[in-house]
PDB file of all heavy atoms in Angstrom:
ATOM      1  N   GLY A   1      -8.679   2.174  -7.613  1.00  0.00           N
ATOM      2  CA  GLY A   1      -8.690   1.545  -6.325  1.00  0.00           C
ATOM      3  C   GLY A   1      -7.494   0.871  -5.854  1.00  0.00           C
ATOM      4  O   GLY A   1      -7.273   0.215  -4.828  1.00  0.00           O
ATOM      5  N   THR A   2      -6.321   1.121  -6.762  1.00  0.00           N
ATOM      6  CA  THR A   2      -5.011   0.429  -6.301  1.00  0.00           C
ATOM      7  C   THR A   2      -4.222   1.610  -5.949  1.00  0.00           C
ATOM      8  O   THR A   2      -4.420   2.801  -6.247  1.00  0.00           O
ATOM      9  CB  THR A   2      -4.376  -0.283  -7.509  1.00  0.00           C
ATOM     10  OG1 THR A   2      -4.212   0.713  -8.676  1.00  0.00           O
ATOM     11  CG2 THR A   2      -5.313  -1.376  -7.932  1.00  0.00           C
ATOM     12  N   VAL A   3      -3.019   1.209  -5.216  1.00  0.00           N
ATOM     13  CA  VAL A   3      -1.997   2.146  -4.721  1.00  0.00           C
ATOM     14  C   VAL A   3      -0.687   1.654  -5.156  1.00  0.00           C
ATOM     15  O   VAL A   3      -0.658   0.527  -5.383  1.00  0.00           O
ATOM     16  CB  VAL A   3      -2.084   2.502  -3.175  1.00  0.00           C
ATOM     17  CG1 VAL A   3      -3.452   3.087  -2.873  1.00  0.00           C
ATOM     18  CG2 VAL A   3      -2.004   1.230  -2.408  1.00  0.00           C
ATOM     19  N   ARG A   4       0.212   2.553  -5.090  1.00  0.00           N
ATOM     20  CA  ARG A   4       1.560   2.131  -5.454  1.00  0.00           C
ATOM     21  C   ARG A   4       2.464   1.872  -4.321  1.00  0.00           C
ATOM     22  O   ARG A   4       2.501   2.568  -3.199  1.00  0.00           O
ATOM     23  CB  ARG A   4       2.269   3.266  -6.248  1.00  0.00           C
ATOM     24  CG  ARG A   4       3.773   3.001  -6.557  1.00  0.00           C
ATOM     25  CD  ARG A   4       4.166   4.254  -7.508  1.00  0.00           C
ATOM     26  NE  ARG A   4       5.565   3.979  -7.650  1.00  0.00           N
ATOM     27  CZ  ARG A   4       6.620   4.354  -6.948  1.00  0.00           C
ATOM     28  NH1 ARG A   4       6.383   4.661  -5.751  1.00  0.00           N
ATOM     29  NH2 ARG A   4       7.859   4.078  -7.296  1.00  0.00           N
ATOM     30  N   ASP A   5       3.098   0.708  -4.309  1.00  0.00           N
ATOM     31  CA  ASP A   5       4.144   0.311  -3.179  1.00  0.00           C
ATOM     32  C   ASP A   5       5.241   1.413  -3.353  1.00  0.00           C
ATOM     33  O   ASP A   5       5.930   1.547  -4.452  1.00  0.00           O
ATOM     34  CB  ASP A   5       4.689  -1.046  -3.547  1.00  0.00           C
ATOM     35  CG  ASP A   5       5.627  -1.563  -2.505  1.00  0.00           C
ATOM     36  OD1 ASP A   5       6.349  -0.787  -2.037  1.00  0.00           O
ATOM     37  OD2 ASP A   5       5.569  -2.761  -2.132  1.00  0.00           O
ATOM     38  N   PRO A   6       5.494   2.045  -2.249  1.00  0.00           N
ATOM     39  CA  PRO A   6       6.481   3.212  -2.272  1.00  0.00           C
ATOM     40  C   PRO A   6       7.865   2.776  -2.517  1.00  0.00           C
ATOM     41  O   PRO A   6       8.763   3.523  -2.632  1.00  0.00           O
ATOM     42  CB  PRO A   6       6.241   3.942  -1.115  1.00  0.00           C
ATOM     43  CG  PRO A   6       5.701   2.833   0.040  1.00  0.00           C
ATOM     44  CD  PRO A   6       4.844   2.020  -0.908  1.00  0.00           C
ATOM     45  N   VAL A   7       8.192   1.458  -2.338  1.00  0.00           N
ATOM     46  CA  VAL A   7       9.454   0.857  -2.485  1.00  0.00           C
ATOM     47  C   VAL A   7       9.766   0.407  -3.747  1.00  0.00           C
ATOM     48  O   VAL A   7      10.802   0.804  -4.485  1.00  0.00           O
ATOM     49  CB  VAL A   7       9.722  -0.077  -1.266  1.00  0.00           C
ATOM     50  CG1 VAL A   7      11.193  -0.849  -1.669  1.00  0.00           C
ATOM     51  CG2 VAL A   7       9.519   0.396   0.003  1.00  0.00           C
ATOM     52  N   CYS A   8       9.024  -0.588  -4.294  1.00  0.00           N
ATOM     53  CA  CYS A   8       9.345  -1.241  -5.671  1.00  0.00           C
ATOM     54  C   CYS A   8       8.557  -0.681  -6.728  1.00  0.00           C
ATOM     55  O   CYS A   8       8.901  -0.981  -7.880  1.00  0.00           O
ATOM     56  CB  CYS A   8       9.055  -2.684  -5.497  1.00  0.00           C
ATOM     57  SG  CYS A   8       7.364  -3.223  -5.380  1.00  0.00           S
ATOM     58  N   GLY A   9       7.538   0.084  -6.445  1.00  0.00           N
ATOM     59  CA  GLY A   9       6.749   0.709  -7.537  1.00  0.00           C
ATOM     60  C   GLY A   9       5.539  -0.117  -8.097  1.00  0.00           C
ATOM     61  O   GLY A   9       4.780   0.347  -8.960  1.00  0.00           O
ATOM     62  N   MET A  10       5.390  -1.214  -7.600  1.00  0.00           N
ATOM     63  CA  MET A  10       4.185  -2.144  -8.070  1.00  0.00           C
ATOM     64  C   MET A  10       2.873  -1.547  -7.608  1.00  0.00           C
ATOM     65  O   MET A  10       2.791  -0.947  -6.593  1.00  0.00           O
ATOM     66  CB  MET A  10       4.421  -3.623  -7.521  1.00  0.00           C
ATOM     67  CG  MET A  10       5.540  -4.339  -8.058  1.00  0.00           C
ATOM     68  SD  MET A  10       5.532  -6.071  -7.296  1.00  0.00           S
ATOM     69  CE  MET A  10       3.917  -6.663  -7.654  1.00  0.00           C
ATOM     70  N   GLU A  11       1.908  -1.775  -8.420  1.00  0.00           N
ATOM     71  CA  GLU A  11       0.568  -1.375  -8.045  1.00  0.00           C
ATOM     72  C   GLU A  11      -0.138  -2.538  -7.095  1.00  0.00           C
ATOM     73  O   GLU A  11       0.003  -3.709  -7.516  1.00  0.00           O
ATOM     74  CB  GLU A  11      -0.332  -1.211  -9.314  1.00  0.00           C
ATOM     75  CG  GLU A  11       0.080  -0.117 -10.218  1.00  0.00           C
ATOM     76  CD  GLU A  11      -0.007   1.356  -9.711  1.00  0.00           C
ATOM     77  OE1 GLU A  11      -0.941   1.471  -8.771  1.00  0.00           O
ATOM     78  OE2 GLU A  11       0.727   2.251 -10.035  1.00  0.00           O
ATOM     79  N   VAL A  12      -0.622  -2.166  -6.034  1.00  0.00           N
ATOM     80  CA  VAL A  12      -1.212  -3.113  -5.124  1.00  0.00           C
ATOM     81  C   VAL A  12      -2.691  -2.780  -4.789  1.00  0.00           C
ATOM     82  O   VAL A  12      -3.008  -1.576  -4.728  1.00  0.00           O
ATOM     83  CB  VAL A  12      -0.404  -3.354  -3.793  1.00  0.00           C
ATOM     84  CG1 VAL A  12       1.038  -3.827  -4.127  1.00  0.00           C
ATOM     85  CG2 VAL A  12      -0.266  -1.985  -3.048  1.00  0.00           C
ATOM     86  N   ASP A  13      -3.418  -3.669  -4.393  1.00  0.00           N
ATOM     87  CA  ASP A  13      -4.722  -3.483  -3.918  1.00  0.00           C
ATOM     88  C   ASP A  13      -4.825  -3.489  -2.435  1.00  0.00           C
ATOM     89  O   ASP A  13      -4.553  -4.405  -1.753  1.00  0.00           O
ATOM     90  CB  ASP A  13      -5.728  -4.595  -4.475  1.00  0.00           C
ATOM     91  CG  ASP A  13      -7.209  -4.383  -4.159  1.00  0.00           C
ATOM     92  OD1 ASP A  13      -7.495  -3.533  -3.367  1.00  0.00           O
ATOM     93  OD2 ASP A  13      -8.011  -5.183  -4.649  1.00  0.00           O
ATOM     94  N   PRO A  14      -5.211  -2.307  -1.814  1.00  0.00           N
ATOM     95  CA  PRO A  14      -5.290  -2.218  -0.402  1.00  0.00           C
ATOM     96  C   PRO A  14      -6.141  -3.275   0.256  1.00  0.00           C
ATOM     97  O   PRO A  14      -5.991  -3.553   1.490  1.00  0.00           O
ATOM     98  CB  PRO A  14      -5.728  -0.762  -0.153  1.00  0.00           C
ATOM     99  CG  PRO A  14      -5.555   0.025  -1.487  1.00  0.00           C
ATOM    100  CD  PRO A  14      -5.641  -1.106  -2.528  1.00  0.00           C
ATOM    101  N   ASN A  15      -7.235  -3.708  -0.407  1.00  0.00           N
ATOM    102  CA  ASN A  15      -8.135  -4.549   0.118  1.00  0.00           C
ATOM    103  C   ASN A  15      -7.768  -6.082  -0.017  1.00  0.00           C
ATOM    104  O   ASN A  15      -8.375  -7.003   0.541  1.00  0.00           O
ATOM    105  CB  ASN A  15      -9.508  -4.463  -0.472  1.00  0.00           C
ATOM    106  CG  ASN A  15      -9.993  -2.990  -0.220  1.00  0.00           C
ATOM    107  OD1 ASN A  15     -10.007  -2.439   0.762  1.00  0.00           O
ATOM    108  ND2 ASN A  15     -10.625  -2.294  -1.379  1.00  0.00           N
ATOM    109  N   ASP A  16      -6.697  -6.398  -0.679  1.00  0.00           N
ATOM    110  CA  ASP A  16      -6.133  -7.689  -0.794  1.00  0.00           C
ATOM    111  C   ASP A  16      -5.650  -8.286   0.431  1.00  0.00           C
ATOM    112  O   ASP A  16      -4.780  -7.471   1.170  1.00  0.00           O
ATOM    113  CB  ASP A  16      -5.103  -7.722  -1.888  1.00  0.00           C
ATOM    114  CG  ASP A  16      -4.703  -9.200  -2.306  1.00  0.00           C
ATOM    115  OD1 ASP A  16      -4.517 -10.102  -1.544  1.00  0.00           O
ATOM    116  OD2 ASP A  16      -4.836  -9.459  -3.608  1.00  0.00           O
ATOM    117  N   ASP A  17      -5.816  -9.502   0.846  1.00  0.00           N
ATOM    118  CA  ASP A  17      -5.524 -10.027   2.206  1.00  0.00           C
ATOM    119  C   ASP A  17      -3.907 -10.112   2.089  1.00  0.00           C
ATOM    120  O   ASP A  17      -3.328 -10.203   3.307  1.00  0.00           O
ATOM    121  CB  ASP A  17      -6.036 -11.379   2.333  1.00  0.00           C
ATOM    122  CG  ASP A  17      -7.635 -11.343   2.382  1.00  0.00           C
ATOM    123  OD1 ASP A  17      -8.074 -10.322   2.975  1.00  0.00           O
ATOM    124  OD2 ASP A  17      -8.282 -12.383   2.274  1.00  0.00           O
ATOM    125  N   ASP A  18      -3.254 -10.300   1.024  1.00  0.00           N
ATOM    126  CA  ASP A  18      -1.875 -10.384   0.940  1.00  0.00           C
ATOM    127  C   ASP A  18      -1.010  -9.035   1.034  1.00  0.00           C
ATOM    128  O   ASP A  18       0.030  -8.997   1.195  1.00  0.00           O
ATOM    129  CB  ASP A  18      -1.412 -11.158  -0.225  1.00  0.00           C
ATOM    130  CG  ASP A  18      -1.849 -12.556  -0.285  1.00  0.00           C
ATOM    131  OD1 ASP A  18      -1.952 -13.166   0.788  1.00  0.00           O
ATOM    132  OD2 ASP A  18      -2.138 -13.216  -1.369  1.00  0.00           O
ATOM    133  N   THR A  19      -1.803  -7.919   0.892  1.00  0.00           N
ATOM    134  CA  THR A  19      -1.202  -6.656   0.931  1.00  0.00           C
ATOM    135  C   THR A  19      -0.932  -6.118   2.384  1.00  0.00           C
ATOM    136  O   THR A  19      -1.712  -6.340   3.278  1.00  0.00           O
ATOM    137  CB  THR A  19      -2.144  -5.518   0.284  1.00  0.00           C
ATOM    138  OG1 THR A  19      -2.415  -5.902  -1.063  1.00  0.00           O
ATOM    139  CG2 THR A  19      -1.486  -4.077   0.301  1.00  0.00           C
ATOM    140  N   LEU A  20       0.388  -5.788   2.515  1.00  0.00           N
ATOM    141  CA  LEU A  20       0.688  -5.354   3.884  1.00  0.00           C
ATOM    142  C   LEU A  20       0.644  -3.797   3.964  1.00  0.00           C
ATOM    143  O   LEU A  20       0.793  -2.939   2.902  1.00  0.00           O
ATOM    144  CB  LEU A  20       2.211  -5.853   4.263  1.00  0.00           C
ATOM    145  CG  LEU A  20       2.318  -7.374   3.956  1.00  0.00           C
ATOM    146  CD1 LEU A  20       3.909  -7.657   4.213  1.00  0.00           C
ATOM    147  CD2 LEU A  20       1.553  -8.110   4.939  1.00  0.00           C
ATOM    148  N   SER A  21       0.667  -3.260   5.203  1.00  0.00           N
ATOM    149  CA  SER A  21       0.438  -1.830   5.366  1.00  0.00           C
ATOM    150  C   SER A  21       1.300  -1.211   6.556  1.00  0.00           C
ATOM    151  O   SER A  21       1.494  -2.059   7.361  1.00  0.00           O
ATOM    152  CB  SER A  21      -1.047  -1.395   5.454  1.00  0.00           C
ATOM    153  OG  SER A  21      -1.557  -2.072   6.588  1.00  0.00           O
ATOM    154  N   VAL A  22       1.429  -0.035   6.522  1.00  0.00           N
ATOM    155  CA  VAL A  22       2.034   0.656   7.657  1.00  0.00           C
ATOM    156  C   VAL A  22       1.438   2.078   7.715  1.00  0.00           C
ATOM    157  O   VAL A  22       1.204   2.695   6.763  1.00  0.00           O
ATOM    158  CB  VAL A  22       3.643   0.844   7.435  1.00  0.00           C
ATOM    159  CG1 VAL A  22       4.220   1.927   8.398  1.00  0.00           C
ATOM    160  CG2 VAL A  22       4.276  -0.516   7.409  1.00  0.00           C
ATOM    161  N   GLU A  23       1.125   2.522   9.035  1.00  0.00           N
ATOM    162  CA  GLU A  23       0.536   3.763   9.293  1.00  0.00           C
ATOM    163  C   GLU A  23       1.551   4.767   9.356  1.00  0.00           C
ATOM    164  O   GLU A  23       2.480   4.560  10.230  1.00  0.00           O
ATOM    165  CB  GLU A  23      -0.325   3.737  10.572  1.00  0.00           C
ATOM    166  CG  GLU A  23      -1.646   2.658  10.369  1.00  0.00           C
ATOM    167  CD  GLU A  23      -2.547   3.251   9.377  1.00  0.00           C
ATOM    168  OE1 GLU A  23      -2.627   4.521   9.168  1.00  0.00           O
ATOM    169  OE2 GLU A  23      -3.332   2.285   8.842  1.00  0.00           O
ATOM    170  N   THR A  24       1.450   5.894   8.777  1.00  0.00           N
ATOM    171  CA  THR A  24       2.348   7.066   8.823  1.00  0.00           C
ATOM    172  C   THR A  24       1.578   8.258   9.101  1.00  0.00           C
ATOM    173  O   THR A  24       0.462   8.372   9.189  1.00  0.00           O
ATOM    174  CB  THR A  24       3.152   7.209   7.587  1.00  0.00           C
ATOM    175  OG1 THR A  24       2.309   7.768   6.474  1.00  0.00           O
ATOM    176  CG2 THR A  24       3.773   5.857   7.043  1.00  0.00           C
ATOM    177  N   ASP A  25       2.366   9.338   9.360  1.00  0.00           N
ATOM    178  CA  ASP A  25       1.746  10.684   9.707  1.00  0.00           C
ATOM    179  C   ASP A  25       0.966  11.202   8.471  1.00  0.00           C
ATOM    180  O   ASP A  25       0.018  11.933   8.714  1.00  0.00           O
ATOM    181  CB  ASP A  25       2.821  11.678  10.009  1.00  0.00           C
ATOM    182  CG  ASP A  25       3.615  11.364  11.371  1.00  0.00           C
ATOM    183  OD1 ASP A  25       2.850  10.639  12.096  1.00  0.00           O
ATOM    184  OD2 ASP A  25       4.650  11.835  11.594  1.00  0.00           O
ATOM    185  N   GLU A  26       1.423  10.790   7.225  1.00  0.00           N
ATOM    186  CA  GLU A  26       0.696  11.197   5.995  1.00  0.00           C
ATOM    187  C   GLU A  26      -0.457  10.291   5.656  1.00  0.00           C
ATOM    188  O   GLU A  26      -1.180  10.621   4.721  1.00  0.00           O
ATOM    189  CB  GLU A  26       1.731  11.375   4.932  1.00  0.00           C
ATOM    190  CG  GLU A  26       2.752  12.487   4.974  1.00  0.00           C
ATOM    191  CD  GLU A  26       3.754  12.176   6.046  1.00  0.00           C
ATOM    192  OE1 GLU A  26       4.087  10.969   6.225  1.00  0.00           O
ATOM    193  OE2 GLU A  26       4.381  13.144   6.599  1.00  0.00           O
ATOM    194  N   GLY A  27      -0.505   9.197   6.318  1.00  0.00           N
ATOM    195  CA  GLY A  27      -1.648   8.243   5.941  1.00  0.00           C
ATOM    196  C   GLY A  27      -1.007   6.778   6.013  1.00  0.00           C
ATOM    197  O   GLY A  27      -0.157   6.596   6.590  1.00  0.00           O
ATOM    198  N   THR A  28      -1.710   5.875   5.269  1.00  0.00           N
ATOM    199  CA  THR A  28      -1.364   4.441   5.219  1.00  0.00           C
ATOM    200  C   THR A  28      -0.541   4.128   3.981  1.00  0.00           C
ATOM    201  O   THR A  28      -0.963   4.698   2.798  1.00  0.00           O
ATOM    202  CB  THR A  28      -2.585   3.622   5.264  1.00  0.00           C
ATOM    203  OG1 THR A  28      -3.440   3.887   6.508  1.00  0.00           O
ATOM    204  CG2 THR A  28      -2.213   2.193   5.289  1.00  0.00           C
ATOM    205  N   GLU A  29       0.468   3.413   4.153  1.00  0.00           N
ATOM    206  CA  GLU A  29       1.193   3.071   2.891  1.00  0.00           C
ATOM    207  C   GLU A  29       1.062   1.545   2.765  1.00  0.00           C
ATOM    208  O   GLU A  29       0.992   0.764   3.768  1.00  0.00           O
ATOM    209  CB  GLU A  29       2.837   3.324   3.166  1.00  0.00           C
ATOM    210  CG  GLU A  29       3.145   4.815   3.145  1.00  0.00           C
ATOM    211  CD  GLU A  29       2.958   5.435   1.800  1.00  0.00           C
ATOM    212  OE1 GLU A  29       2.817   4.843   0.974  1.00  0.00           O
ATOM    213  OE2 GLU A  29       3.197   6.767   1.857  1.00  0.00           O
ATOM    214  N   TYR A  30       0.971   1.103   1.618  1.00  0.00           N
ATOM    215  CA  TYR A  30       0.637  -0.398   1.324  1.00  0.00           C
ATOM    216  C   TYR A  30       1.861  -1.065   0.536  1.00  0.00           C
ATOM    217  O   TYR A  30       2.508  -0.393  -0.253  1.00  0.00           O
ATOM    218  CB  TYR A  30      -0.571  -0.510   0.500  1.00  0.00           C
ATOM    219  CG  TYR A  30      -1.835  -0.046   1.244  1.00  0.00           C
ATOM    220  CD1 TYR A  30      -2.221   1.228   1.155  1.00  0.00           C
ATOM    221  CD2 TYR A  30      -2.535  -0.943   2.036  1.00  0.00           C
ATOM    222  CE1 TYR A  30      -3.303   1.819   1.789  1.00  0.00           C
ATOM    223  CE2 TYR A  30      -3.616  -0.365   2.673  1.00  0.00           C
ATOM    224  CZ  TYR A  30      -3.999   0.959   2.794  1.00  0.00           C
ATOM    225  OH  TYR A  30      -5.202   1.351   3.420  1.00  0.00           O
TER     226      TYR A  30
END
């Protein structure tokens, strides 16, 4: 249920209130 931050490589929880996101053509990045 976690995804990888594409910049620093950390595993993040998309449902965490502190997790930030950006919509892209390929989907959502967290």
